[in-house]
Amino acid sequence: MIVCSVSLAVIFLIIFIIGAKNGQFEDDESPAVRMLFDSEIQKEEKEKQHQQQDDGNLKEENIDKL
């Protein structure tokens, strides 16, 4: 039983070391922070789209007046 638990611990240690070398654990803060700012980014994109639509409507009105 001890041999099984030690071998399982060694396997997990090897997997952890491989993951650490590949950069799996380098950026552990940005996904949590990114989640907080997603709604602000979406709001900004929507505002830009509305401004572009409003600019397009103004151009159409100016063309109609000419």
PDB file of N, CA and C in Angstrom:
ATOM      1  N   MET A   1       0.818  -1.190   0.000  1.00  0.00           N
ATOM      2  CA  MET A   1       0.000   0.000   0.000  1.00  0.00           C
ATOM      3  C   MET A   1       0.872   1.269   0.000  1.00  0.00           C
ATOM      4  N   ILE A   2       1.951   1.213   0.740  1.00  0.00           N
ATOM      5  CA  ILE A   2       2.854   2.360   0.790  1.00  0.00           C
ATOM      6  C   ILE A   2       3.523   2.561  -0.565  1.00  0.00           C
ATOM      7  N   VAL A   3       3.865   1.472  -1.212  1.00  0.00           N
ATOM      8  CA  VAL A   3       4.504   1.562  -2.532  1.00  0.00           C
ATOM      9  C   VAL A   3       3.557   2.226  -3.527  1.00  0.00           C
ATOM     10  N   CYS A   4       2.275   1.885  -3.474  1.00  0.00           N
ATOM     11  CA  CYS A   4       1.286   2.490  -4.383  1.00  0.00           C
ATOM     12  C   CYS A   4       1.153   3.985  -4.121  1.00  0.00           C
ATOM     13  N   SER A   5       1.074   4.394  -2.861  1.00  0.00           N
ATOM     14  CA  SER A   5       0.905   5.816  -2.554  1.00  0.00           C
ATOM     15  C   SER A   5       2.153   6.614  -2.923  1.00  0.00           C
ATOM     16  N   VAL A   6       3.325   6.061  -2.684  1.00  0.00           N
ATOM     17  CA  VAL A   6       4.556   6.762  -3.045  1.00  0.00           C
ATOM     18  C   VAL A   6       4.685   6.861  -4.561  1.00  0.00           C
ATOM     19  N   SER A   7       4.368   5.799  -5.264  1.00  0.00           N
ATOM     20  CA  SER A   7       4.460   5.852  -6.724  1.00  0.00           C
ATOM     21  C   SER A   7       3.434   6.831  -7.303  1.00  0.00           C
ATOM     22  N   LEU A   8       2.248   6.889  -6.722  1.00  0.00           N
ATOM     23  CA  LEU A   8       1.248   7.853  -7.176  1.00  0.00           C
ATOM     24  C   LEU A   8       1.721   9.282  -6.913  1.00  0.00           C
ATOM     25  N   ALA A   9       2.348   9.518  -5.755  1.00  0.00           N
ATOM     26  CA  ALA A   9       2.887  10.842  -5.440  1.00  0.00           C
ATOM     27  C   ALA A   9       3.992  11.221  -6.414  1.00  0.00           C
ATOM     28  N   VAL A  10       4.835  10.267  -6.784  1.00  0.00           N
ATOM     29  CA  VAL A  10       5.914  10.535  -7.742  1.00  0.00           C
ATOM     30  C   VAL A  10       5.333  10.860  -9.115  1.00  0.00           C
ATOM     31  N   ILE A  11       4.298  10.157  -9.501  1.00  0.00           N
ATOM     32  CA  ILE A  11       3.652  10.425 -10.796  1.00  0.00           C
ATOM     33  C   ILE A  11       3.085  11.842 -10.815  1.00  0.00           C
ATOM     34  N   PHE A  12       2.390  12.229  -9.728  1.00  0.00           N
ATOM     35  CA  PHE A  12       1.841  13.588  -9.666  1.00  0.00           C
ATOM     36  C   PHE A  12       2.948  14.633  -9.647  1.00  0.00           C
ATOM     37  N   LEU A  13       4.059  14.347  -8.981  1.00  0.00           N
ATOM     38  CA  LEU A  13       5.175  15.270  -8.959  1.00  0.00           C
ATOM     39  C   LEU A  13       5.769  15.450 -10.352  1.00  0.00           C
ATOM     40  N   ILE A  14       5.909  14.370 -11.080  1.00  0.00           N
ATOM     41  CA  ILE A  14       6.433  14.440 -12.448  1.00  0.00           C
ATOM     42  C   ILE A  14       5.491  15.244 -13.344  1.00  0.00           C
ATOM     43  N   ILE A  15       4.200  15.002 -13.208  1.00  0.00           N
ATOM     44  CA  ILE A  15       3.217  15.752 -14.005  1.00  0.00           C
ATOM     45  C   ILE A  15       3.274  17.241 -13.658  1.00  0.00           C
ATOM     46  N   PHE A  16       3.416  17.548 -12.379  1.00  0.00           N
ATOM     47  CA  PHE A  16       3.507  18.945 -11.955  1.00  0.00           C
ATOM     48  C   PHE A  16       4.758  19.613 -12.523  1.00  0.00           C
ATOM     49  N   ILE A  17       5.889  18.925 -12.469  1.00  0.00           N
ATOM     50  CA  ILE A  17       7.134  19.498 -12.985  1.00  0.00           C
ATOM     51  C   ILE A  17       7.049  19.732 -14.490  1.00  0.00           C
ATOM     52  N   ILE A  18       6.464  18.793 -15.210  1.00  0.00           N
ATOM     53  CA  ILE A  18       6.298  18.962 -16.661  1.00  0.00           C
ATOM     54  C   ILE A  18       5.395  20.165 -16.953  1.00  0.00           C
ATOM     55  N   GLY A  19       4.312  20.283 -16.197  1.00  0.00           N
ATOM     56  CA  GLY A  19       3.411  21.422 -16.387  1.00  0.00           C
ATOM     57  C   GLY A  19       4.083  22.739 -16.066  1.00  0.00           C
ATOM     58  N   ALA A  20       4.878  22.772 -15.018  1.00  0.00           N
ATOM     59  CA  ALA A  20       5.581  24.007 -14.642  1.00  0.00           C
ATOM     60  C   ALA A  20       6.605  24.395 -15.705  1.00  0.00           C
ATOM     61  N   LYS A  21       7.286  23.425 -16.284  1.00  0.00           N
ATOM     62  CA  LYS A  21       8.268  23.729 -17.331  1.00  0.00           C
ATOM     63  C   LYS A  21       7.592  24.240 -18.602  1.00  0.00           C
ATOM     64  N   ASN A  22       6.388  23.768 -18.871  1.00  0.00           N
ATOM     65  CA  ASN A  22       5.664  24.195 -20.071  1.00  0.00           C
ATOM     66  C   ASN A  22       4.929  25.513 -19.882  1.00  0.00           C
ATOM     67  N   GLY A  23       4.990  26.093 -18.676  1.00  0.00           N
ATOM     68  CA  GLY A  23       4.353  27.387 -18.442  1.00  0.00           C
ATOM     69  C   GLY A  23       2.895  27.304 -18.060  1.00  0.00           C
ATOM     70  N   GLN A  24       2.450  26.183 -17.585  1.00  0.00           N
ATOM     71  CA  GLN A  24       1.051  26.004 -17.233  1.00  0.00           C
ATOM     72  C   GLN A  24       0.642  26.909 -16.069  1.00  0.00           C
ATOM     73  N   PHE A  25       1.549  27.200 -15.163  1.00  0.00           N
ATOM     74  CA  PHE A  25       1.208  27.915 -13.938  1.00  0.00           C
ATOM     75  C   PHE A  25       1.779  29.321 -13.896  1.00  0.00           C
ATOM     76  N   GLU A  26       2.171  29.880 -15.022  1.00  0.00           N
ATOM     77  CA  GLU A  26       2.800  31.191 -15.022  1.00  0.00           C
ATOM     78  C   GLU A  26       1.814  32.332 -14.809  1.00  0.00           C
ATOM     79  N   ASP A  27       0.682  32.302 -15.441  1.00  0.00           N
ATOM     80  CA  ASP A  27      -0.257  33.424 -15.385  1.00  0.00           C
ATOM     81  C   ASP A  27      -1.514  32.984 -14.642  1.00  0.00           C
ATOM     82  N   ASP A  28      -1.490  33.119 -13.332  1.00  0.00           N
ATOM     83  CA  ASP A  28      -2.633  32.658 -12.556  1.00  0.00           C
ATOM     84  C   ASP A  28      -3.543  33.785 -12.112  1.00  0.00           C
ATOM     85  N   GLU A  29      -3.188  35.053 -12.406  1.00  0.00           N
ATOM     86  CA  GLU A  29      -4.020  36.151 -11.960  1.00  0.00           C
ATOM     87  C   GLU A  29      -4.871  36.742 -13.067  1.00  0.00           C
ATOM     88  N   SER A  30      -4.377  36.780 -14.310  1.00  0.00           N
ATOM     89  CA  SER A  30      -5.151  37.456 -15.336  1.00  0.00           C
ATOM     90  C   SER A  30      -6.481  36.836 -15.683  1.00  0.00           C
ATOM     91  N   PRO A  31      -6.688  35.535 -15.674  1.00  0.00           N
ATOM     92  CA  PRO A  31      -8.038  35.057 -15.974  1.00  0.00           C
ATOM     93  C   PRO A  31      -9.080  35.565 -14.974  1.00  0.00           C
ATOM     94  N   ALA A  32      -8.697  35.660 -13.705  1.00  0.00           N
ATOM     95  CA  ALA A  32      -9.643  36.169 -12.711  1.00  0.00           C
ATOM     96  C   ALA A  32      -9.899  37.660 -12.913  1.00  0.00           C
ATOM     97  N   VAL A  33      -8.880  38.401 -13.277  1.00  0.00           N
ATOM     98  CA  VAL A  33      -9.039  39.835 -13.481  1.00  0.00           C
ATOM     99  C   VAL A  33      -9.757  40.106 -14.797  1.00  0.00           C
ATOM    100  N   ARG A  34      -9.470  39.306 -15.813  1.00  0.00           N
ATOM    101  CA  ARG A  34     -10.099  39.487 -17.118  1.00  0.00           C
ATOM    102  C   ARG A  34     -11.616  39.346 -17.013  1.00  0.00           C
ATOM    103  N   MET A  35     -12.060  38.462 -16.151  1.00  0.00           N
ATOM    104  CA  MET A  35     -13.488  38.246 -15.979  1.00  0.00           C
ATOM    105  C   MET A  35     -14.171  39.519 -15.488  1.00  0.00           C
ATOM    106  N   LEU A  36     -13.478  40.311 -14.678  1.00  0.00           N
ATOM    107  CA  LEU A  36     -14.062  41.530 -14.136  1.00  0.00           C
ATOM    108  C   LEU A  36     -14.168  42.628 -15.189  1.00  0.00           C
ATOM    109  N   PHE A  37     -13.290  42.628 -16.176  1.00  0.00           N
ATOM    110  CA  PHE A  37     -13.256  43.700 -17.163  1.00  0.00           C
ATOM    111  C   PHE A  37     -13.953  43.347 -18.467  1.00  0.00           C
ATOM    112  N   ASP A  38     -14.470  42.145 -18.615  1.00  0.00           N
ATOM    113  CA  ASP A  38     -15.144  41.762 -19.850  1.00  0.00           C
ATOM    114  C   ASP A  38     -16.348  42.638 -20.127  1.00  0.00           C
ATOM    115  N   SER A  39     -17.137  42.948 -19.103  1.00  0.00           N
ATOM    116  CA  SER A  39     -18.337  43.743 -19.337  1.00  0.00           C
ATOM    117  C   SER A  39     -17.985  45.160 -19.768  1.00  0.00           C
ATOM    118  N   GLU A  40     -16.904  45.725 -19.244  1.00  0.00           N
ATOM    119  CA  GLU A  40     -16.497  47.070 -19.650  1.00  0.00           C
ATOM    120  C   GLU A  40     -16.048  47.085 -21.105  1.00  0.00           C
ATOM    121  N   ILE A  41     -15.349  46.070 -21.530  1.00  0.00           N
ATOM    122  CA  ILE A  41     -14.895  45.992 -22.918  1.00  0.00           C
ATOM    123  C   ILE A  41     -16.088  45.871 -23.846  1.00  0.00           C
ATOM    124  N   GLN A  42     -17.063  45.070 -23.466  1.00  0.00           N
ATOM    125  CA  GLN A  42     -18.257  44.913 -24.301  1.00  0.00           C
ATOM    126  C   GLN A  42     -19.034  46.216 -24.375  1.00  0.00           C
ATOM    127  N   LYS A  43     -19.109  46.961 -23.272  1.00  0.00           N
ATOM    128  CA  LYS A  43     -19.811  48.242 -23.284  1.00  0.00           C
ATOM    129  C   LYS A  43     -19.122  49.222 -24.232  1.00  0.00           C
ATOM    130  N   GLU A  44     -17.782  49.249 -24.180  1.00  0.00           N
ATOM    131  CA  GLU A  44     -17.042  50.154 -25.056  1.00  0.00           C
ATOM    132  C   GLU A  44     -17.258  49.797 -26.519  1.00  0.00           C
ATOM    133  N   GLU A  45     -17.281  48.511 -26.832  1.00  0.00           N
ATOM    134  CA  GLU A  45     -17.504  48.088 -28.215  1.00  0.00           C
ATOM    135  C   GLU A  45     -18.904  48.477 -28.683  1.00  0.00           C
ATOM    136  N   LYS A  46     -19.893  48.322 -27.821  1.00  0.00           N
ATOM    137  CA  LYS A  46     -21.251  48.710 -28.189  1.00  0.00           C
ATOM    138  C   LYS A  46     -21.357  50.210 -28.416  1.00  0.00           C
ATOM    139  N   GLU A  47     -20.675  50.990 -27.561  1.00  0.00           N
ATOM    140  CA  GLU A  47     -20.705  52.441 -27.735  1.00  0.00           C
ATOM    141  C   GLU A  47     -20.055  52.846 -29.057  1.00  0.00           C
ATOM    142  N   LYS A  48     -18.964  52.184 -29.421  1.00  0.00           N
ATOM    143  CA  LYS A  48     -18.308  52.478 -30.693  1.00  0.00           C
ATOM    144  C   LYS A  48     -19.223  52.146 -31.864  1.00  0.00           C
ATOM    145  N   GLN A  49     -19.933  51.025 -31.767  1.00  0.00           N
ATOM    146  CA  GLN A  49     -20.854  50.641 -32.838  1.00  0.00           C
ATOM    147  C   GLN A  49     -21.980  51.658 -32.963  1.00  0.00           C
ATOM    148  N   HIS A  50     -22.505  52.118 -31.829  1.00  0.00           N
ATOM    149  CA  HIS A  50     -23.577  53.110 -31.879  1.00  0.00           C
ATOM    150  C   HIS A  50     -23.081  54.420 -32.470  1.00  0.00           C
ATOM    151  N   GLN A  51     -21.862  54.814 -32.131  1.00  0.00           N
ATOM    152  CA  GLN A  51     -21.308  56.041 -32.694  1.00  0.00           C
ATOM    153  C   GLN A  51     -21.122  55.919 -34.199  1.00  0.00           C
ATOM    154  N   GLN A  52     -20.665  54.760 -34.650  1.00  0.00           N
ATOM    155  CA  GLN A  52     -20.489  54.553 -36.083  1.00  0.00           C
ATOM    156  C   GLN A  52     -21.833  54.585 -36.801  1.00  0.00           C
ATOM    157  N   GLN A  53     -22.861  54.003 -36.182  1.00  0.00           N
ATOM    158  CA  GLN A  53     -24.189  54.012 -36.789  1.00  0.00           C
ATOM    159  C   GLN A  53     -24.738  55.432 -36.828  1.00  0.00           C
ATOM    160  N   ASP A  54     -24.516  56.181 -35.740  1.00  0.00           N
ATOM    161  CA  ASP A  54     -24.985  57.566 -35.708  1.00  0.00           C
ATOM    162  C   ASP A  54     -24.269  58.403 -36.760  1.00  0.00           C
ATOM    163  N   ASP A  55     -22.959  58.185 -36.923  1.00  0.00           N
ATOM    164  CA  ASP A  55     -22.207  58.910 -37.950  1.00  0.00           C
ATOM    165  C   ASP A  55     -22.735  58.557 -39.343  1.00  0.00           C
ATOM    166  N   GLY A  56     -23.061  57.310 -39.559  1.00  0.00           N
ATOM    167  CA  GLY A  56     -23.612  56.883 -40.841  1.00  0.00           C
ATOM    168  C   GLY A  56     -24.967  57.516 -41.098  1.00  0.00           C
ATOM    169  N   ASN A  57     -25.795  57.629 -40.062  1.00  0.00           N
ATOM    170  CA  ASN A  57     -27.103  58.268 -40.216  1.00  0.00           C
ATOM    171  C   ASN A  57     -26.952  59.744 -40.526  1.00  0.00           C
ATOM    172  N   LEU A  58     -25.993  60.422 -39.919  1.00  0.00           N
ATOM    173  CA  LEU A  58     -25.770  61.839 -40.191  1.00  0.00           C
ATOM    174  C   LEU A  58     -25.312  62.043 -41.630  1.00  0.00           C
ATOM    175  N   LYS A  59     -24.457  61.171 -42.131  1.00  0.00           N
ATOM    176  CA  LYS A  59     -23.988  61.284 -43.509  1.00  0.00           C
ATOM    177  C   LYS A  59     -25.144  61.098 -44.487  1.00  0.00           C
ATOM    178  N   GLU A  60     -26.041  60.153 -44.177  1.00  0.00           N
ATOM    179  CA  GLU A  60     -27.194  59.920 -45.056  1.00  0.00           C
ATOM    180  C   GLU A  60     -28.113  61.131 -45.053  1.00  0.00           C
ATOM    181  N   GLU A  61     -28.301  61.767 -43.885  1.00  0.00           N
ATOM    182  CA  GLU A  61     -29.151  62.937 -43.806  1.00  0.00           C
ATOM    183  C   GLU A  61     -28.537  64.097 -44.598  1.00  0.00           C
ATOM    184  N   ASN A  62     -27.223  64.257 -44.524  1.00  0.00           N
ATOM    185  CA  ASN A  62     -26.549  65.323 -45.259  1.00  0.00           C
ATOM    186  C   ASN A  62     -26.659  65.096 -46.748  1.00  0.00           C
ATOM    187  N   ILE A  63     -26.557  63.853 -47.190  1.00  0.00           N
ATOM    188  CA  ILE A  63     -26.685  63.544 -48.607  1.00  0.00           C
ATOM    189  C   ILE A  63     -28.101  63.834 -49.072  1.00  0.00           C
ATOM    190  N   ASP A  64     -29.106  63.512 -48.249  1.00  0.00           N
ATOM    191  CA  ASP A  64     -30.483  63.765 -48.618  1.00  0.00           C
ATOM    192  C   ASP A  64     -30.760  65.261 -48.747  1.00  0.00           C
ATOM    193  N   LYS A  65     -30.117  66.085 -47.923  1.00  0.00           N
ATOM    194  CA  LYS A  65     -30.340  67.524 -47.962  1.00  0.00           C
ATOM    195  C   LYS A  65     -29.744  68.138 -49.223  1.00  0.00           C
ATOM    196  N   LEU A  66     -28.690  67.528 -49.732  1.00  0.00           N
ATOM    197  CA  LEU A  66     -28.062  68.072 -50.948  1.00  0.00           C
ATOM    198  C   LEU A  66     -28.916  67.754 -52.100  1.00  0.00           C
TER     199      LEU A  66
END
